Amino acid sequence: MSRLFEPFKMGDVELKNKIVMAPLTRNRSPGAAPNDMNIEYYRQRADAGLIITEATAITHQGQGYADVPGLYTPEAIAGWKKVTSAVHEKGGKIVVQLWHVGRISHTSLQPNGGKPVSSTSKAAKAKTYILKADGSGEFADTSEPRALTAEEIKGIVEDYRKASKAAIEAGFDGVEIHAANGYLIDQFLRSGINDRTDAYGGSIENRARFLFEVVDAITDAIGASRTGIRLSPVTPANDASDSDPQPLFTYVVEKLAAHQLSYIHVIEGATGGDRNFQQGDKPFDYDALRAAHHKAGGKAAWMVNNGYQRSTAIDAVDSGHADLVAFGKPFISNPDLVERLKSDAPLNQLNQEKLYGGGPEGYTDYPTLSKAS
């Protein structure tokens, strides 16, 4: 049996296997608070070594899509407590992905209909999911943002601190900082987005400043052993780009080494697409990225993601390329994905039409192997 299915210690958390449920936005939490349907969805998937929740807004301002959960109201914290209890009762472990979307939002989703905020005032060539007057959802162009002031950035760092403490109050085993996929932290990191001329723009060190202020705030609040981070060095998601990503993300993982986080979650290639996608003149070297982290003294568990299947996941762990492998869409249609991977059983077909919004159909009604037989 592959090491993929063996237990693993990630920081202070004992995982029963090395298979991770990746964060998956499903737009089924009206009012930004988890409900009974969400509880059942996560409970069904608790056989994963680790569940990373769908991206969860740290504040109302951090929300960029309709009906996504938050972690900034008593109702949301109460809802998440029920989710974490259900997962823990089945012997699972769960962390929450902390999210501020930055410019990937729409005025209809913002407090008082205001502009989204970002590192820049440039609009993203991207779409978001909003509600129409009749309550149905649709995709719309993101709104033009405004650039944050240095003083406002300090306030958002504090919002991350508060959200991390709320996560522990809600019973989570830890948090994942969402620094990927063209959202707010990534909007500061990427040279193709960040056009600032202050202490948060220009050099790699300046563009990474916001990320490390967030890391410092969260690790100070809840501890490094409960903190992970997600990075996507080359993804073009949400209009993200950088002309030379290798030195940027090498700097990031080298400096993260001093923090001794629980894990580093790396999306290889274009999120949900081409694993060989590249930005800049050279293909990105993911093995060199991990080596740089280790050389700098980092001991974070190394998690990989994007298009992994049973055979490639087994190879990634057995070869030492990764400690953990995250699966996205296969976990949507296969609540018992771990069992199916172990036995090399066929996977359920994904219901593409029911990915975002709606009710139980395409959410909690996928059959397990036992029900299918």
Protein backbone atom coordinates (compact mmCIF):
# COMPACT_ATOMS: atom_id res chain seq x y z
CA MET A 1 0.00 0.00 0.00
CA SER A 2 1.29 3.46 -0.89
CA ARG A 3 2.38 5.93 1.78
CA LEU A 4 -0.45 8.14 0.46
CA PHE A 5 -2.84 6.17 2.68
CA GLU A 6 -0.68 6.18 5.81
CA PRO A 7 -1.13 8.57 8.76
CA PHE A 8 0.85 11.79 8.87
CA LYS A 9 1.63 14.38 11.53
CA MET A 10 1.13 17.92 10.22
CA GLY A 11 2.29 20.40 12.82
CA ASP A 12 0.34 19.48 15.94
CA VAL A 13 -2.41 17.73 13.96
CA GLU A 14 -2.51 13.97 13.40
CA LEU A 15 -3.96 13.08 9.99
CA LYS A 16 -5.27 9.58 9.23
CA ASN A 17 -4.00 9.72 5.63
CA LYS A 18 -2.22 12.11 3.26
CA ILE A 19 -5.27 12.86 1.11
CA VAL A 20 -6.58 16.41 1.45
CA MET A 21 -9.91 17.85 0.38
CA ALA A 22 -9.05 21.10 -1.38
CA PRO A 23 -11.05 24.29 -0.81
CA LEU A 24 -14.06 24.34 -3.15
CA THR A 25 -16.40 27.31 -3.47
CA ARG A 26 -20.01 26.05 -3.72
CA ASN A 27 -22.15 29.19 -3.05
CA ARG A 28 -24.58 27.48 -0.70
CA SER A 29 -24.32 29.61 2.44
CA PRO A 30 -26.90 32.44 2.21
CA GLY A 31 -26.25 35.17 4.74
CA ALA A 32 -22.56 34.14 4.85
CA ALA A 33 -23.33 31.57 7.58
CA PRO A 34 -23.00 27.76 7.25
CA ASN A 35 -26.29 25.87 7.40
CA ASP A 36 -27.50 22.28 7.84
CA MET A 37 -26.77 21.43 4.21
CA ASN A 38 -23.16 22.59 4.62
CA ILE A 39 -22.82 20.50 7.78
CA GLU A 40 -23.88 17.36 5.92
CA TYR A 41 -21.58 18.13 2.97
CA TYR A 42 -18.46 18.30 5.13
CA ARG A 43 -19.52 15.42 7.38
CA GLN A 44 -19.80 13.17 4.33
CA ARG A 45 -16.17 13.90 3.38
CA ALA A 46 -14.58 13.52 6.83
CA ASP A 47 -12.57 10.45 5.78
CA ALA A 48 -10.09 12.82 4.13
CA GLY A 49 -6.85 13.17 6.08
CA LEU A 50 -7.59 16.88 6.13
CA ILE A 51 -10.49 19.02 4.92
CA ILE A 52 -9.73 22.58 3.88
CA THR A 53 -13.01 24.45 3.79
CA GLU A 54 -14.25 26.51 0.91
CA ALA A 55 -12.75 29.99 0.94
CA THR A 56 -14.30 31.93 3.81
CA ALA A 57 -14.44 35.72 3.95
CA ILE A 58 -12.71 37.38 6.89
CA THR A 59 -15.00 40.44 6.65
CA HIS A 60 -17.95 41.66 4.60
CA GLN A 61 -15.46 43.68 2.54
CA GLY A 62 -13.52 40.47 1.86
CA GLN A 63 -16.50 38.81 0.15
CA GLY A 64 -16.47 38.55 -3.61
CA TYR A 65 -19.16 36.02 -4.50
CA ALA A 66 -22.78 35.56 -3.53
CA ASP A 67 -23.71 33.03 -0.85
CA VAL A 68 -20.18 32.19 0.26
CA PRO A 69 -19.55 31.72 3.99
CA GLY A 70 -17.84 34.17 6.28
CA LEU A 71 -16.23 34.11 9.69
CA TYR A 72 -17.09 37.58 10.94
CA THR A 73 -20.55 37.27 12.54
CA PRO A 74 -21.84 35.32 15.54
CA GLU A 75 -24.16 33.41 13.19
CA ALA A 76 -21.24 32.33 11.00
CA ILE A 77 -19.15 31.19 13.96
CA ALA A 78 -22.12 29.24 15.34
CA GLY A 79 -22.68 27.60 11.95
CA TRP A 80 -19.04 26.63 11.60
CA LYS A 81 -19.06 25.15 15.13
CA LYS A 82 -21.67 22.67 13.92
CA VAL A 83 -19.56 21.84 10.86
CA THR A 84 -16.37 21.23 12.84
CA SER A 85 -18.25 19.15 15.41
CA ALA A 86 -19.71 16.94 12.65
CA VAL A 87 -16.29 16.41 11.07
CA HIS A 88 -14.60 15.70 14.40
CA GLU A 89 -17.32 13.23 15.39
CA LYS A 90 -16.34 11.20 12.31
CA GLY A 91 -12.67 11.38 13.23
CA GLY A 92 -11.77 14.00 10.63
CA LYS A 93 -9.63 17.12 10.79
CA ILE A 94 -10.64 20.46 9.28
CA VAL A 95 -9.06 23.87 8.74
CA VAL A 96 -10.71 27.00 7.35
CA GLN A 97 -9.34 28.90 4.39
CA LEU A 98 -9.21 32.61 5.27
CA TRP A 99 -10.14 34.78 2.31
CA HIS A 100 -10.12 38.39 1.27
CA VAL A 101 -10.90 38.59 -2.43
CA GLY A 102 -9.64 42.14 -2.96
CA ARG A 103 -10.62 43.34 -6.42
CA ILE A 104 -12.36 40.08 -7.39
CA SER A 105 -15.69 41.39 -6.21
CA HIS A 106 -18.69 43.46 -7.24
CA THR A 107 -20.20 46.60 -5.75
CA SER A 108 -23.43 44.71 -5.06
CA LEU A 109 -21.51 42.45 -2.66
CA GLN A 110 -19.64 45.21 -0.83
CA PRO A 111 -20.68 47.15 2.30
CA ASN A 112 -22.89 50.07 1.26
CA GLY A 113 -22.27 49.25 -2.41
CA GLY A 114 -18.71 50.57 -2.23
CA LYS A 115 -15.81 49.77 -4.50
CA PRO A 116 -13.79 46.61 -3.85
CA VAL A 117 -10.27 47.23 -2.53
CA SER A 118 -6.92 46.03 -3.83
CA SER A 119 -3.23 46.78 -4.19
CA THR A 120 -4.23 48.67 -7.32
CA SER A 121 -7.03 50.67 -8.88
CA LYS A 122 -6.88 48.57 -12.06
CA ALA A 123 -9.95 46.44 -12.73
CA ALA A 124 -9.44 42.71 -13.14
CA LYS A 125 -10.42 40.99 -16.35
CA ALA A 126 -12.43 38.48 -14.39
CA LYS A 127 -15.95 37.41 -13.44
CA THR A 128 -17.71 36.95 -10.14
CA TYR A 129 -20.99 35.36 -9.07
CA ILE A 130 -23.79 37.69 -7.96
CA LEU A 131 -27.51 37.45 -7.28
CA LYS A 132 -30.13 38.92 -9.59
CA ALA A 133 -33.27 40.68 -8.37
CA ASP A 134 -35.25 37.42 -8.57
CA GLY A 135 -32.74 35.66 -6.32
CA SER A 136 -31.11 33.54 -9.01
CA GLY A 137 -27.38 33.72 -9.62
CA GLU A 138 -25.36 34.90 -12.58
CA PHE A 139 -21.74 35.63 -13.46
CA ALA A 140 -20.82 39.31 -13.89
CA ASP A 141 -17.70 41.36 -14.57
CA THR A 142 -15.83 42.37 -11.42
CA SER A 143 -16.11 46.03 -10.42
CA GLU A 144 -13.35 48.61 -10.59
CA PRO A 145 -11.42 48.63 -7.28
CA ARG A 146 -9.69 51.35 -5.34
CA ALA A 147 -6.15 51.05 -4.03
CA LEU A 148 -5.81 50.58 -0.28
CA THR A 149 -3.94 53.16 1.76
CA ALA A 150 -1.11 52.00 4.01
CA GLU A 151 -3.29 52.71 7.05
CA GLU A 152 -6.15 50.60 5.64
CA ILE A 153 -3.73 47.72 5.05
CA LYS A 154 -2.98 47.67 8.79
CA GLY A 155 -6.70 47.33 9.44
CA ILE A 156 -7.01 44.36 7.09
CA VAL A 157 -4.05 42.66 8.79
CA GLU A 158 -5.97 43.04 12.04
CA ASP A 159 -9.06 41.56 10.33
CA TYR A 160 -7.00 38.46 9.53
CA ARG A 161 -5.90 38.22 13.16
CA LYS A 162 -9.51 38.43 14.39
CA ALA A 163 -10.68 35.85 11.84
CA SER A 164 -7.98 33.38 12.88
CA LYS A 165 -9.06 33.65 16.51
CA ALA A 166 -12.70 33.23 15.45
CA ALA A 167 -11.66 30.07 13.58
CA ILE A 168 -10.27 28.51 16.73
CA GLU A 169 -13.41 29.58 18.63
CA ALA A 170 -15.42 27.78 15.94
CA GLY A 171 -13.52 24.56 16.57
CA PHE A 172 -11.22 24.44 13.56
CA ASP A 173 -7.93 22.56 13.79
CA GLY A 174 -6.22 25.49 12.11
CA VAL A 175 -6.40 27.97 9.26
CA GLU A 176 -5.11 28.25 5.72
CA ILE A 177 -4.12 31.73 4.53
CA HIS A 178 -5.42 32.14 0.99
CA ALA A 179 -2.51 33.83 -0.78
CA ALA A 180 -3.28 32.37 -4.21
CA ASN A 181 -5.44 32.63 -7.32
CA GLY A 182 -5.34 36.38 -7.82
CA TYR A 183 -7.08 37.32 -4.56
CA LEU A 184 -5.98 40.15 -2.26
CA ILE A 185 -2.63 38.83 -0.97
CA ASP A 186 -1.74 37.61 -4.47
CA GLN A 187 -2.71 41.05 -5.82
CA PHE A 188 0.11 42.48 -3.73
CA LEU A 189 2.57 39.73 -4.66
CA ARG A 190 2.20 39.75 -8.45
CA SER A 191 4.11 42.31 -10.52
CA GLY A 192 1.40 42.18 -13.19
CA ILE A 193 -1.14 43.56 -10.70
CA ASN A 194 0.76 45.53 -8.06
CA ASP A 195 1.60 48.99 -9.44
CA ARG A 196 2.22 50.67 -6.08
CA THR A 197 5.15 53.00 -5.40
CA ASP A 198 5.01 52.87 -1.58
CA ALA A 199 6.43 50.33 0.88
CA TYR A 200 4.04 47.69 -0.51
CA GLY A 201 5.09 47.93 -4.15
CA GLY A 202 8.07 47.65 -6.47
CA SER A 203 10.64 45.17 -5.13
CA ILE A 204 9.88 41.56 -4.26
CA GLU A 205 10.44 42.36 -0.59
CA ASN A 206 7.91 45.19 -0.73
CA ARG A 207 5.30 43.21 -2.65
CA ALA A 208 5.59 40.39 -0.10
CA ARG A 209 5.33 42.76 2.87
CA PHE A 210 1.55 42.46 3.24
CA LEU A 211 1.70 38.65 3.12
CA PHE A 212 4.21 38.52 5.95
CA GLU A 213 2.32 41.04 8.04
CA VAL A 214 -0.69 38.71 7.76
CA VAL A 215 1.43 35.65 8.59
CA ASP A 216 2.90 37.42 11.63
CA ALA A 217 -0.53 38.48 12.87
CA ILE A 218 -2.08 35.04 12.53
CA THR A 219 0.80 33.04 13.94
CA ASP A 220 0.96 35.45 16.88
CA ALA A 221 -2.77 34.92 17.49
CA ILE A 222 -3.11 31.14 17.11
CA GLY A 223 0.40 29.71 16.65
CA ALA A 224 2.40 28.64 13.61
CA SER A 225 1.53 24.96 14.11
CA ARG A 226 -2.11 25.81 13.34
CA THR A 227 -1.32 27.97 10.31
CA GLY A 228 -0.93 26.91 6.67
CA ILE A 229 -0.73 28.94 3.48
CA ARG A 230 -1.80 28.46 -0.14
CA LEU A 231 0.33 29.75 -3.03
CA SER A 232 -0.16 29.60 -6.81
CA PRO A 233 3.13 30.70 -8.41
CA VAL A 234 2.03 30.81 -12.05
CA THR A 235 -1.74 30.60 -12.21
CA PRO A 236 -3.46 33.18 -14.43
CA ALA A 237 -6.66 32.85 -12.37
CA ASN A 238 -8.49 36.14 -11.82
CA ASP A 239 -6.14 38.03 -14.12
CA ALA A 240 -3.03 37.28 -12.05
CA SER A 241 0.39 37.49 -13.68
CA ASP A 242 4.06 37.92 -12.90
CA SER A 243 6.84 38.16 -15.44
CA ASP A 244 9.37 36.34 -13.25
CA PRO A 245 7.63 34.20 -10.61
CA GLN A 246 10.52 31.90 -9.61
CA PRO A 247 12.52 34.47 -7.59
CA LEU A 248 9.33 35.93 -6.11
CA PHE A 249 8.04 32.66 -4.71
CA THR A 250 11.52 31.45 -3.78
CA TYR A 251 11.80 34.53 -1.58
CA VAL A 252 8.37 33.83 -0.11
CA VAL A 253 9.06 30.19 0.84
CA GLU A 254 12.54 30.99 2.13
CA LYS A 255 11.18 33.67 4.44
CA LEU A 256 8.28 31.41 5.46
CA ALA A 257 10.89 28.94 6.73
CA ALA A 258 11.49 31.10 9.80
CA HIS A 259 7.80 30.88 10.70
CA GLN A 260 7.67 27.06 10.72
CA LEU A 261 4.10 26.89 9.45
CA SER A 262 2.02 23.73 9.55
CA TYR A 263 2.02 23.36 5.77
CA ILE A 264 2.56 25.08 2.44
CA HIS A 265 -0.09 24.31 -0.19
CA VAL A 266 1.17 24.82 -3.75
CA ILE A 267 -1.00 24.89 -6.86
CA GLU A 268 1.13 23.57 -9.71
CA GLY A 269 0.34 25.25 -13.05
CA ALA A 270 -2.93 26.99 -13.93
CA THR A 271 -5.57 26.45 -11.23
CA GLY A 272 -8.00 23.83 -12.50
CA GLY A 273 -6.18 23.70 -15.84
CA ASP A 274 -2.83 23.07 -17.50
CA ARG A 275 -0.29 21.71 -15.01
CA ASN A 276 2.52 22.83 -17.34
CA PHE A 277 1.30 26.40 -17.66
CA GLN A 278 4.08 28.94 -17.22
CA GLN A 279 4.51 32.67 -16.81
CA GLY A 280 7.79 34.28 -17.74
CA ASP A 281 10.53 32.83 -19.92
CA LYS A 282 11.11 29.54 -18.10
CA PRO A 283 8.97 26.68 -16.79
CA PHE A 284 8.45 26.98 -13.03
CA ASP A 285 10.58 24.58 -10.98
CA TYR A 286 8.42 23.30 -8.12
CA ASP A 287 11.05 20.90 -6.80
CA ALA A 288 13.50 23.80 -6.56
CA LEU A 289 10.84 25.76 -4.65
CA ARG A 290 10.51 23.03 -2.03
CA ALA A 291 14.29 22.62 -1.85
CA ALA A 292 14.66 26.36 -1.21
CA HIS A 293 12.23 26.15 1.70
CA HIS A 294 14.09 23.21 3.23
CA LYS A 295 17.52 24.79 2.67
CA ALA A 296 16.32 27.86 4.57
CA GLY A 297 15.39 25.61 7.51
CA GLY A 298 11.69 25.22 6.73
CA LYS A 299 9.92 22.11 7.94
CA ALA A 300 6.37 22.83 6.78
CA ALA A 301 4.52 19.88 5.29
CA TRP A 302 4.51 20.24 1.50
CA MET A 303 1.07 19.92 -0.08
CA VAL A 304 0.57 19.78 -3.87
CA ASN A 305 -2.57 20.38 -5.89
CA ASN A 306 -3.94 20.53 -9.43
CA GLY A 307 -5.13 17.67 -11.56
CA TYR A 308 -3.74 14.85 -9.45
CA GLN A 309 -5.18 11.39 -10.01
CA ARG A 310 -4.66 8.19 -8.06
CA SER A 311 -1.43 7.16 -9.81
CA THR A 312 0.17 10.60 -9.83
CA ALA A 313 -0.77 11.22 -6.20
CA ILE A 314 0.81 7.93 -5.17
CA ASP A 315 3.93 8.79 -7.15
CA ALA A 316 4.10 12.29 -5.64
CA VAL A 317 4.10 10.97 -2.06
CA ASP A 318 6.18 7.81 -2.59
CA SER A 319 8.85 9.74 -4.53
CA GLY A 320 9.12 12.48 -1.91
CA HIS A 321 7.82 15.21 -4.24
CA ALA A 322 5.13 15.98 -1.67
CA ASP A 323 3.95 15.08 1.80
CA LEU A 324 0.25 15.63 1.07
CA VAL A 325 -1.89 15.71 -2.07
CA ALA A 326 -5.03 17.85 -2.35
CA PHE A 327 -7.95 16.80 -4.55
CA GLY A 328 -10.62 19.27 -5.64
CA LYS A 329 -13.46 18.28 -7.96
CA PRO A 330 -13.09 14.51 -7.31
CA PHE A 331 -14.15 15.23 -3.70
CA ILE A 332 -17.28 17.02 -4.89
CA SER A 333 -18.70 13.98 -6.66
CA ASN A 334 -17.12 11.35 -4.40
CA PRO A 335 -17.73 11.88 -0.68
CA ASP A 336 -15.91 8.57 -0.10
CA LEU A 337 -12.95 9.49 -2.32
CA VAL A 338 -10.38 8.03 0.07
CA GLU A 339 -12.04 4.60 -0.05
CA ARG A 340 -12.33 4.78 -3.84
CA LEU A 341 -8.66 5.69 -4.22
CA LYS A 342 -7.59 2.90 -1.89
CA SER A 343 -9.51 0.26 -3.81
CA ASP A 344 -8.96 1.88 -7.23
CA ALA A 345 -12.73 2.02 -7.68
CA PRO A 346 -14.39 4.10 -10.42
CA LEU A 347 -15.37 7.66 -9.59
CA ASN A 348 -18.81 9.26 -9.81
CA GLN A 349 -19.42 11.66 -12.68
CA LEU A 350 -19.38 15.34 -11.69
CA ASN A 351 -22.64 17.26 -12.13
CA GLN A 352 -21.19 20.42 -13.71
CA GLU A 353 -24.52 22.25 -13.81
CA LYS A 354 -24.89 22.09 -10.02
CA LEU A 355 -21.43 23.28 -8.95
CA TYR A 356 -22.46 26.75 -7.80
CA GLY A 357 -25.54 27.60 -5.81
CA GLY A 358 -28.74 25.64 -5.41
CA GLY A 359 -29.75 22.89 -3.00
CA PRO A 360 -28.73 19.32 -2.19
CA GLU A 361 -28.64 18.18 -5.82
CA GLY A 362 -25.03 18.00 -6.95
CA TYR A 363 -23.96 18.77 -3.39
CA THR A 364 -24.92 16.15 -0.82
CA ASP A 365 -26.64 13.55 -3.03
CA TYR A 366 -23.63 11.79 -4.60
CA PRO A 367 -23.67 8.06 -3.80
CA THR A 368 -20.93 6.26 -1.90
CA LEU A 369 -19.65 2.87 -2.98
CA SER A 370 -21.83 1.14 -0.40
CA LYS A 371 -24.96 2.93 -1.64
CA ALA A 372 -24.04 2.39 -5.28
CA SER A 373 -23.84 -1.35 -4.71
